[in-house]
N, C-alpha and C. Protein backbone atom coordinates (compact mmCIF):
# COMPACT_ATOMS: atom_id res chain seq x y z
N MET A 1 2.96 -5.35 15.80
CA MET A 1 3.62 -4.03 14.99
C MET A 1 2.01 -3.55 14.47
N PHE A 2 1.48 -4.59 13.75
CA PHE A 2 0.37 -4.09 12.90
C PHE A 2 -1.14 -4.53 13.48
N GLU A 3 -2.03 -3.40 13.40
CA GLU A 3 -3.15 -3.78 14.08
C GLU A 3 -4.19 -3.75 12.80
N VAL A 4 -4.98 -4.86 12.82
CA VAL A 4 -6.15 -5.08 11.97
C VAL A 4 -6.94 -3.93 11.76
N GLY A 5 -7.39 -3.38 10.64
CA GLY A 5 -8.42 -2.29 10.15
C GLY A 5 -7.56 -0.90 10.32
N LYS A 6 -6.27 -0.79 10.91
CA LYS A 6 -5.62 0.46 10.71
C LYS A 6 -4.79 0.63 9.31
N SER A 7 -4.57 1.90 9.32
CA SER A 7 -3.93 2.08 7.80
C SER A 7 -2.52 2.29 8.21
N TYR A 8 -1.69 1.73 7.30
CA TYR A 8 -0.22 2.33 7.39
C TYR A 8 0.59 2.62 6.00
N ARG A 9 1.25 3.48 5.86
CA ARG A 9 2.14 3.86 4.91
C ARG A 9 3.28 2.54 4.67
N PHE A 10 3.25 1.78 3.72
CA PHE A 10 4.57 0.97 3.57
C PHE A 10 5.38 1.46 2.66
N VAL A 11 6.59 1.54 3.11
CA VAL A 11 7.88 2.00 2.40
C VAL A 11 8.77 0.85 2.12
N TRP A 12 9.27 0.84 0.98
CA TRP A 12 10.45 -0.22 0.31
C TRP A 12 11.15 0.46 -0.58
N LEU A 13 12.29 -0.30 -0.82
CA LEU A 13 13.26 0.33 -1.78
C LEU A 13 13.03 -0.35 -3.20
N GLU A 14 13.28 0.54 -4.08
CA GLU A 14 13.22 0.19 -5.27
C GLU A 14 14.43 0.65 -6.06
N THR A 15 14.82 -0.07 -7.35
CA THR A 15 15.88 0.31 -8.25
C THR A 15 15.54 0.68 -9.47
N GLY A 16 16.31 1.63 -10.30
CA GLY A 16 15.82 1.90 -11.59
C GLY A 16 16.94 2.77 -12.09
N ARG A 17 16.68 3.47 -13.15
CA ARG A 17 17.80 4.47 -13.78
C ARG A 17 17.34 5.81 -14.08
N ASP A 18 18.26 6.46 -13.72
CA ASP A 18 18.07 7.96 -13.90
C ASP A 18 18.23 8.39 -15.38
N ASP A 19 18.13 9.62 -15.45
CA ASP A 19 17.98 10.16 -16.80
C ASP A 19 19.17 10.00 -17.52
N ASP A 20 20.33 9.62 -16.92
CA ASP A 20 21.47 9.62 -17.63
C ASP A 20 21.81 7.92 -17.71
N GLY A 21 20.76 7.30 -17.30
CA GLY A 21 20.90 5.77 -17.71
C GLY A 21 21.89 5.25 -16.43
N LYS A 22 22.25 6.00 -15.16
CA LYS A 22 22.75 5.04 -14.22
C LYS A 22 21.84 4.58 -13.10
N SER A 23 22.29 3.59 -12.67
CA SER A 23 21.62 2.67 -11.73
C SER A 23 21.20 3.54 -10.39
N ILE A 24 19.91 3.69 -10.02
CA ILE A 24 19.63 4.52 -8.69
C ILE A 24 18.74 3.55 -7.86
N THR A 25 18.92 3.94 -6.47
CA THR A 25 17.80 3.05 -5.59
C THR A 25 16.96 4.14 -4.76
N PHE A 26 15.73 4.09 -4.69
CA PHE A 26 15.10 4.98 -4.06
C PHE A 26 13.61 4.37 -3.23
N GLU A 27 13.37 5.24 -2.53
CA GLU A 27 12.08 4.72 -1.73
C GLU A 27 10.89 4.91 -2.28
N SER A 28 9.83 4.06 -2.27
CA SER A 28 8.44 4.36 -2.83
C SER A 28 7.61 3.93 -1.66
N SER A 29 6.34 4.47 -1.76
CA SER A 29 5.42 4.25 -0.69
C SER A 29 3.92 4.07 -1.07
N ILE A 30 3.15 3.54 -0.32
CA ILE A 30 1.67 3.61 -0.72
C ILE A 30 1.07 3.21 0.63
N VAL A 31 -0.20 3.80 0.86
CA VAL A 31 -1.05 3.54 1.97
C VAL A 31 -1.97 2.33 1.89
N TYR A 32 -1.95 1.36 2.90
CA TYR A 32 -2.88 0.27 2.84
C TYR A 32 -3.55 0.20 4.16
N GLU A 33 -4.71 -0.41 4.07
CA GLU A 33 -5.50 -1.05 5.38
C GLU A 33 -5.36 -2.21 5.48
N VAL A 34 -4.83 -2.59 6.98
CA VAL A 34 -4.48 -4.11 7.14
C VAL A 34 -5.53 -4.71 7.37
N ALA A 35 -5.64 -6.13 6.74
CA ALA A 35 -6.68 -7.02 6.64
C ALA A 35 -6.39 -8.07 7.78
N ALA A 36 -5.16 -8.64 7.76
CA ALA A 36 -4.63 -9.75 8.53
C ALA A 36 -3.02 -9.72 8.62
N VAL A 37 -2.65 -10.44 9.84
CA VAL A 37 -1.37 -10.40 10.10
C VAL A 37 -0.94 -11.71 10.37
N ASP A 38 0.06 -12.25 9.85
CA ASP A 38 0.40 -13.60 10.27
C ASP A 38 2.17 -13.75 10.32
N GLY A 39 2.80 -13.33 11.56
CA GLY A 39 4.00 -13.24 11.65
C GLY A 39 4.55 -11.91 10.77
N ALA A 40 5.50 -12.27 9.75
CA ALA A 40 5.95 -11.03 9.04
C ALA A 40 5.08 -10.82 7.91
N LEU A 41 4.11 -11.83 7.49
CA LEU A 41 3.21 -11.54 6.40
C LEU A 41 2.21 -10.72 6.85
N VAL A 42 1.82 -9.74 6.12
CA VAL A 42 0.48 -8.78 6.34
C VAL A 42 -0.16 -8.71 5.15
N LYS A 43 -1.46 -9.04 5.13
CA LYS A 43 -2.25 -9.00 4.19
C LYS A 43 -3.15 -7.46 4.42
N VAL A 44 -2.93 -6.90 3.04
CA VAL A 44 -3.70 -5.67 3.04
C VAL A 44 -4.66 -5.47 1.92
N LEU A 45 -5.33 -4.37 2.09
CA LEU A 45 -6.56 -4.29 1.21
C LEU A 45 -6.39 -3.13 0.27
N GLY A 46 -6.78 -3.20 -1.06
CA GLY A 46 -6.90 -1.87 -2.04
C GLY A 46 -7.70 -0.91 -1.63
N PRO A 47 -7.81 0.18 -2.27
CA PRO A 47 -8.76 1.19 -2.04
C PRO A 47 -10.29 0.78 -1.83
N ASP A 48 -10.93 1.24 -0.72
CA ASP A 48 -12.42 1.10 -0.59
C ASP A 48 -13.21 2.34 -1.76
N TRP A 49 -13.60 1.80 -2.85
CA TRP A 49 -14.12 2.74 -3.75
C TRP A 49 -15.50 3.34 -3.29
N THR A 50 -16.27 2.53 -2.32
CA THR A 50 -17.57 2.95 -1.74
C THR A 50 -17.47 4.28 -1.12
N LYS A 51 -16.23 4.78 -0.63
CA LYS A 51 -15.86 6.09 0.13
C LYS A 51 -15.42 7.14 -0.81
N VAL A 52 -15.53 6.83 -2.13
CA VAL A 52 -14.88 7.79 -3.16
C VAL A 52 -16.22 8.35 -3.96
N GLU A 53 -16.08 9.65 -4.07
CA GLU A 53 -17.17 10.24 -4.81
C GLU A 53 -17.42 9.91 -6.18
N GLU A 54 -18.50 9.74 -6.73
CA GLU A 54 -18.90 8.98 -7.95
C GLU A 54 -18.01 9.73 -8.99
N TYR A 55 -18.13 11.14 -9.22
CA TYR A 55 -17.24 11.85 -10.31
C TYR A 55 -15.61 11.50 -10.22
N MET A 56 -15.23 11.01 -9.28
CA MET A 56 -13.66 10.72 -9.08
C MET A 56 -13.31 9.09 -9.41
N LEU A 57 -14.35 8.25 -9.67
CA LEU A 57 -14.13 6.98 -9.83
C LEU A 57 -13.45 6.56 -11.47
N PRO A 58 -12.70 5.58 -11.64
CA PRO A 58 -12.41 5.30 -13.01
C PRO A 58 -13.56 4.79 -13.57
N PRO A 59 -13.59 5.25 -15.01
CA PRO A 59 -14.78 4.76 -15.70
C PRO A 59 -15.31 3.42 -15.75
N SER A 60 -14.34 2.25 -15.74
CA SER A 60 -14.95 0.93 -15.81
C SER A 60 -15.03 0.36 -14.40
N LEU A 61 -14.86 1.05 -13.19
CA LEU A 61 -14.86 0.55 -11.97
C LEU A 61 -16.35 0.08 -11.36
N ASP A 62 -16.46 -0.76 -10.87
CA ASP A 62 -17.74 -1.35 -10.37
C ASP A 62 -17.55 -1.31 -8.85
N ARG A 63 -18.22 -0.58 -8.20
CA ARG A 63 -18.06 -0.20 -6.73
C ARG A 63 -18.48 -1.58 -5.86
N ASN A 64 -19.20 -2.54 -6.31
CA ASN A 64 -19.52 -3.71 -5.88
C ASN A 64 -18.51 -4.57 -5.78
N GLU A 65 -17.56 -4.70 -6.46
CA GLU A 65 -16.35 -5.64 -6.64
C GLU A 65 -15.68 -5.72 -5.21
N PRO A 66 -15.18 -6.85 -4.85
CA PRO A 66 -14.42 -7.16 -3.69
C PRO A 66 -13.21 -6.11 -3.71
N ARG A 67 -12.55 -5.62 -2.67
CA ARG A 67 -11.45 -4.85 -2.57
C ARG A 67 -10.25 -5.95 -2.88
N ASP A 68 -9.20 -5.17 -3.65
CA ASP A 68 -8.00 -6.24 -4.12
C ASP A 68 -7.39 -6.40 -2.85
N GLU A 69 -6.63 -7.47 -2.64
CA GLU A 69 -5.92 -7.78 -1.63
C GLU A 69 -4.47 -8.22 -2.12
N THR A 70 -3.50 -7.86 -1.07
CA THR A 70 -1.98 -8.00 -1.27
C THR A 70 -1.43 -8.63 -0.22
N ILE A 71 -0.41 -9.33 -0.21
CA ILE A 71 0.30 -9.77 0.79
C ILE A 71 1.82 -9.31 0.90
N ILE A 72 2.13 -8.49 1.99
CA ILE A 72 3.52 -7.91 2.05
C ILE A 72 4.46 -8.68 2.99
N ASN A 73 5.36 -9.00 2.43
CA ASN A 73 6.43 -9.80 3.22
C ASN A 73 7.38 -8.65 4.22
N THR A 74 6.96 -8.24 5.29
CA THR A 74 7.74 -7.41 6.05
C THR A 74 9.26 -7.80 6.39
N ALA A 75 9.42 -9.01 6.29
CA ALA A 75 10.83 -9.54 6.55
C ALA A 75 11.72 -9.68 5.21
N GLY A 76 11.16 -8.94 4.31
CA GLY A 76 11.85 -8.89 2.75
C GLY A 76 13.02 -7.94 2.79
N LEU A 77 13.91 -8.35 2.03
CA LEU A 77 15.18 -7.22 2.04
C LEU A 77 14.99 -5.89 1.71
N PHE A 78 13.59 -5.75 0.70
CA PHE A 78 13.67 -4.50 0.18
C PHE A 78 12.31 -3.57 1.34
N PHE A 79 11.93 -4.39 1.96
CA PHE A 79 10.91 -3.64 3.04
C PHE A 79 11.81 -2.66 3.93
N VAL A 80 11.27 -1.49 4.09
CA VAL A 80 11.88 -0.40 4.85
C VAL A 80 11.40 -0.20 6.11
N ARG A 81 9.91 0.25 6.12
CA ARG A 81 9.31 0.38 7.39
C ARG A 81 7.73 0.87 7.00
N ALA A 82 7.12 0.85 8.05
CA ALA A 82 5.67 1.02 7.68
C ALA A 82 5.26 1.90 9.06
N GLU A 83 4.31 2.97 8.81
CA GLU A 83 4.13 4.04 9.45
C GLU A 83 2.62 4.28 9.54
N LEU A 84 2.15 4.09 10.89
CA LEU A 84 0.73 4.14 11.20
C LEU A 84 0.13 5.55 10.69
N GLN A 85 -1.04 5.55 9.87
CA GLN A 85 -1.54 6.74 9.26
C GLN A 85 -2.69 7.02 10.07
N HIS A 86 -2.93 8.27 10.37
CA HIS A 86 -4.02 9.12 11.10
C HIS A 86 -5.00 9.42 10.22
N ASP A 87 -6.30 9.22 10.23
CA ASP A 87 -7.23 9.79 9.51
C ASP A 87 -6.90 10.84 8.38
N ASN A 88 -6.46 11.73 8.92
CA ASN A 88 -6.17 12.97 8.06
C ASN A 88 -4.76 12.99 7.08
N GLN A 89 -3.90 11.90 7.41
CA GLN A 89 -2.69 11.67 6.63
C GLN A 89 -2.86 10.88 5.43
N GLN A 90 -3.95 10.28 5.09
CA GLN A 90 -3.86 9.34 3.78
C GLN A 90 -3.90 10.31 2.87
């Protein structure tokens, strides 16, 4: 399902409270680049800061630091879907 080097929008369910204090469930998402796949576990990479213009970088960021890595369990209860992103959709 996942291709290493491609970017996907990962969508999962979250719970929280609305303005009236009532419990709600909603979808949230983020785009990640896939670094590795092992069954239902997908290792993804954080932003590639070398591709961002200097003036847009957070003040204390070092472009030479390795990218953050996160492992997503796509078999988890709160994982909803992953959508392949094309270059202009990120």
